[in-house]
N, C-alpha and C. Protein backbone atom coordinates (compact mmCIF):
# COMPACT_ATOMS: atom_id res chain seq x y z
N MET A 1 6.34 -15.30 12.73
CA MET A 1 6.77 -14.37 11.72
C MET A 1 5.75 -14.41 10.58
N ARG A 2 5.42 -13.23 10.06
CA ARG A 2 4.54 -13.14 8.90
C ARG A 2 5.39 -12.82 7.68
N VAL A 3 5.01 -13.41 6.56
CA VAL A 3 5.70 -13.16 5.31
C VAL A 3 4.80 -12.31 4.43
N ALA A 4 5.34 -11.19 3.96
CA ALA A 4 4.59 -10.29 3.08
C ALA A 4 5.36 -10.12 1.78
N ILE A 5 4.64 -9.80 0.75
CA ILE A 5 5.25 -9.52 -0.54
C ILE A 5 5.03 -8.04 -0.82
N GLY A 6 5.98 -7.42 -1.49
CA GLY A 6 5.77 -6.01 -1.72
C GLY A 6 6.81 -5.33 -2.57
N GLN A 7 6.98 -4.06 -2.26
CA GLN A 7 7.84 -3.14 -2.99
C GLN A 7 7.25 -2.78 -4.34
N PHE A 8 5.94 -2.64 -4.37
CA PHE A 8 5.27 -2.12 -5.55
C PHE A 8 4.31 -1.03 -5.10
N SER A 9 3.86 -0.21 -6.05
CA SER A 9 3.03 0.94 -5.69
C SER A 9 1.57 0.78 -6.07
N GLU A 10 1.24 -0.28 -6.77
CA GLU A 10 -0.13 -0.47 -7.21
C GLU A 10 -0.60 -1.88 -6.88
N LEU A 11 -1.81 -1.99 -6.37
CA LEU A 11 -2.38 -3.29 -6.01
C LEU A 11 -3.18 -3.84 -7.20
N SER A 12 -2.51 -4.45 -8.12
CA SER A 12 -3.22 -5.06 -9.23
C SER A 12 -3.80 -6.40 -8.80
N GLU A 13 -4.84 -6.84 -9.48
CA GLU A 13 -5.43 -8.14 -9.19
C GLU A 13 -4.40 -9.24 -9.36
N GLU A 14 -3.56 -9.11 -10.36
CA GLU A 14 -2.54 -10.12 -10.63
C GLU A 14 -1.56 -10.23 -9.45
N ARG A 15 -1.12 -9.11 -8.92
CA ARG A 15 -0.18 -9.14 -7.79
C ARG A 15 -0.84 -9.69 -6.53
N LEU A 16 -2.08 -9.34 -6.31
CA LEU A 16 -2.78 -9.85 -5.14
C LEU A 16 -2.99 -11.36 -5.22
N ARG A 17 -3.36 -11.84 -6.40
CA ARG A 17 -3.52 -13.29 -6.58
C ARG A 17 -2.18 -14.00 -6.40
N PHE A 18 -1.12 -13.42 -6.93
CA PHE A 18 0.22 -14.00 -6.81
C PHE A 18 0.63 -14.10 -5.34
N ALA A 19 0.41 -13.03 -4.58
CA ALA A 19 0.76 -13.04 -3.16
C ALA A 19 -0.01 -14.12 -2.42
N ALA A 20 -1.30 -14.24 -2.72
CA ALA A 20 -2.13 -15.26 -2.06
C ALA A 20 -1.67 -16.66 -2.45
N GLN A 21 -1.32 -16.87 -3.71
CA GLN A 21 -0.86 -18.17 -4.18
C GLN A 21 0.46 -18.56 -3.54
N LEU A 22 1.32 -17.57 -3.28
CA LEU A 22 2.60 -17.84 -2.63
C LEU A 22 2.45 -18.22 -1.16
N GLY A 23 1.29 -17.89 -0.61
CA GLY A 23 1.07 -18.15 0.81
C GLY A 23 1.50 -17.00 1.70
N ALA A 24 1.74 -15.83 1.10
CA ALA A 24 2.10 -14.65 1.89
C ALA A 24 0.90 -14.25 2.74
N SER A 25 1.18 -13.67 3.89
CA SER A 25 0.08 -13.24 4.76
C SER A 25 -0.35 -11.81 4.45
N GLY A 26 0.49 -11.07 3.74
CA GLY A 26 0.14 -9.69 3.47
C GLY A 26 0.98 -9.08 2.38
N VAL A 27 0.75 -7.79 2.17
CA VAL A 27 1.48 -7.03 1.17
C VAL A 27 2.01 -5.75 1.79
N LEU A 28 3.07 -5.24 1.21
CA LEU A 28 3.70 -4.00 1.60
C LEU A 28 3.73 -3.12 0.37
N LEU A 29 3.26 -1.90 0.49
CA LEU A 29 3.25 -0.98 -0.66
C LEU A 29 4.28 0.11 -0.47
N ASN A 30 4.94 0.46 -1.55
CA ASN A 30 5.95 1.50 -1.54
C ASN A 30 5.41 2.69 -2.31
N THR A 31 5.14 3.79 -1.62
CA THR A 31 4.54 5.00 -2.17
C THR A 31 3.33 4.65 -3.04
N PRO A 32 2.26 4.18 -2.41
CA PRO A 32 1.09 3.77 -3.19
C PRO A 32 0.53 4.89 -4.05
N LEU A 33 0.02 4.51 -5.20
CA LEU A 33 -0.58 5.48 -6.12
C LEU A 33 -2.00 5.78 -5.66
N LEU A 34 -2.14 6.83 -4.89
CA LEU A 34 -3.42 7.27 -4.37
C LEU A 34 -3.63 8.74 -4.71
N PRO A 35 -4.88 9.16 -4.85
CA PRO A 35 -5.12 10.58 -5.09
C PRO A 35 -4.77 11.40 -3.85
N GLY A 36 -4.60 12.66 -4.04
CA GLY A 36 -4.31 13.57 -2.93
C GLY A 36 -3.08 14.38 -3.24
N THR A 37 -3.19 15.67 -3.01
CA THR A 37 -2.04 16.54 -3.29
C THR A 37 -1.28 16.92 -2.03
N GLN A 38 -1.93 16.84 -0.85
CA GLN A 38 -1.27 17.19 0.40
C GLN A 38 -1.31 16.07 1.42
N HIS A 39 -2.24 15.15 1.27
CA HIS A 39 -2.35 14.01 2.18
C HIS A 39 -3.26 12.96 1.54
N TRP A 40 -3.24 11.76 2.11
CA TRP A 40 -4.14 10.70 1.67
C TRP A 40 -5.40 10.74 2.50
N GLU A 41 -6.50 10.43 1.88
CA GLU A 41 -7.79 10.41 2.56
C GLU A 41 -8.04 9.04 3.20
N TYR A 42 -8.78 9.04 4.29
CA TYR A 42 -9.12 7.81 5.00
C TYR A 42 -9.78 6.80 4.07
N ASP A 43 -10.73 7.24 3.28
CA ASP A 43 -11.46 6.33 2.39
C ASP A 43 -10.55 5.65 1.38
N ASP A 44 -9.53 6.36 0.90
CA ASP A 44 -8.59 5.77 -0.05
C ASP A 44 -7.73 4.70 0.63
N LEU A 45 -7.30 4.97 1.86
CA LEU A 45 -6.52 3.99 2.61
C LEU A 45 -7.37 2.78 2.97
N LEU A 46 -8.63 3.01 3.32
CA LEU A 46 -9.55 1.91 3.61
C LEU A 46 -9.77 1.05 2.37
N TRP A 47 -9.85 1.67 1.21
CA TRP A 47 -10.01 0.95 -0.05
C TRP A 47 -8.83 0.00 -0.27
N LEU A 48 -7.61 0.46 0.00
CA LEU A 48 -6.43 -0.41 -0.14
C LEU A 48 -6.55 -1.61 0.79
N ARG A 49 -6.86 -1.34 2.05
CA ARG A 49 -6.97 -2.41 3.04
C ARG A 49 -8.05 -3.42 2.65
N THR A 50 -9.20 -2.92 2.26
CA THR A 50 -10.31 -3.79 1.88
C THR A 50 -9.96 -4.65 0.67
N ARG A 51 -9.27 -4.07 -0.26
CA ARG A 51 -8.86 -4.81 -1.47
C ARG A 51 -7.93 -5.96 -1.11
N CYS A 52 -7.01 -5.73 -0.19
CA CYS A 52 -6.11 -6.79 0.27
C CYS A 52 -6.90 -7.88 0.98
N GLU A 53 -7.80 -7.48 1.85
CA GLU A 53 -8.56 -8.43 2.65
C GLU A 53 -9.45 -9.33 1.80
N ARG A 54 -9.91 -8.83 0.65
CA ARG A 54 -10.73 -9.66 -0.24
C ARG A 54 -9.94 -10.84 -0.79
N HIS A 55 -8.63 -10.75 -0.76
CA HIS A 55 -7.75 -11.83 -1.23
C HIS A 55 -7.16 -12.61 -0.06
N GLY A 56 -7.66 -12.36 1.15
CA GLY A 56 -7.16 -13.06 2.32
C GLY A 56 -5.81 -12.55 2.80
N LEU A 57 -5.48 -11.32 2.44
CA LEU A 57 -4.19 -10.72 2.78
C LEU A 57 -4.38 -9.53 3.70
N ARG A 58 -3.31 -9.18 4.40
CA ARG A 58 -3.31 -7.97 5.23
C ARG A 58 -2.49 -6.90 4.54
N LEU A 59 -2.88 -5.67 4.70
CA LEU A 59 -2.05 -4.55 4.28
C LEU A 59 -1.08 -4.32 5.42
N GLU A 60 0.12 -4.85 5.30
CA GLU A 60 1.10 -4.86 6.38
C GLU A 60 1.74 -3.48 6.61
N ALA A 61 2.05 -2.80 5.53
CA ALA A 61 2.77 -1.53 5.70
C ALA A 61 2.67 -0.67 4.44
N LEU A 62 2.77 0.63 4.66
CA LEU A 62 2.91 1.60 3.58
C LEU A 62 4.26 2.28 3.79
N GLU A 63 5.14 2.13 2.84
CA GLU A 63 6.45 2.76 2.95
C GLU A 63 6.47 4.01 2.09
N ASN A 64 7.05 5.04 2.62
CA ASN A 64 7.29 6.29 1.92
C ASN A 64 6.00 7.06 1.64
N LEU A 65 6.12 8.33 1.70
CA LEU A 65 5.07 9.26 1.31
C LEU A 65 5.55 10.01 0.08
N PRO A 66 4.63 10.51 -0.72
CA PRO A 66 5.07 11.37 -1.81
C PRO A 66 5.80 12.59 -1.24
N VAL A 67 6.87 12.97 -1.86
CA VAL A 67 7.68 14.10 -1.38
C VAL A 67 6.85 15.37 -1.27
N ARG A 68 5.85 15.52 -2.14
CA ARG A 68 5.04 16.74 -2.10
C ARG A 68 4.26 16.89 -0.79
N PHE A 69 4.14 15.81 -0.01
CA PHE A 69 3.45 15.89 1.26
C PHE A 69 4.31 16.57 2.34
N TYR A 70 5.61 16.54 2.19
CA TYR A 70 6.47 17.07 3.25
C TYR A 70 7.63 17.92 2.75
N ASP A 71 7.69 18.24 1.48
CA ASP A 71 8.83 18.98 0.96
C ASP A 71 9.02 20.35 1.62
N GLN A 72 7.92 21.04 1.91
CA GLN A 72 8.05 22.37 2.54
C GLN A 72 8.61 22.24 3.96
N ALA A 73 8.20 21.23 4.70
CA ALA A 73 8.74 21.01 6.04
C ALA A 73 10.21 20.63 5.96
N MET A 74 10.57 19.83 4.99
CA MET A 74 11.95 19.37 4.85
C MET A 74 12.86 20.52 4.41
N LEU A 75 12.37 21.38 3.54
CA LEU A 75 13.20 22.45 3.00
C LEU A 75 13.09 23.75 3.78
N GLY A 76 12.21 23.78 4.77
CA GLY A 76 12.09 24.97 5.61
C GLY A 76 11.22 25.98 4.98
């Protein structure tokens, strides 16, 4: 079993250091603050992953998308 810390939307240096100090193997982000009005770009997602890996952590999961990405599909 892997232990991750999360439920935040921004990867601050303080949070990444805290996760590493706790011995967590990774982080989970909830609606990460990334640019994009209709979708997230590959380079932005890679930046998140790389930032985690610099602290010896894995980007375990991204929960939730901004509603603006799917509101038209949801509302018809």
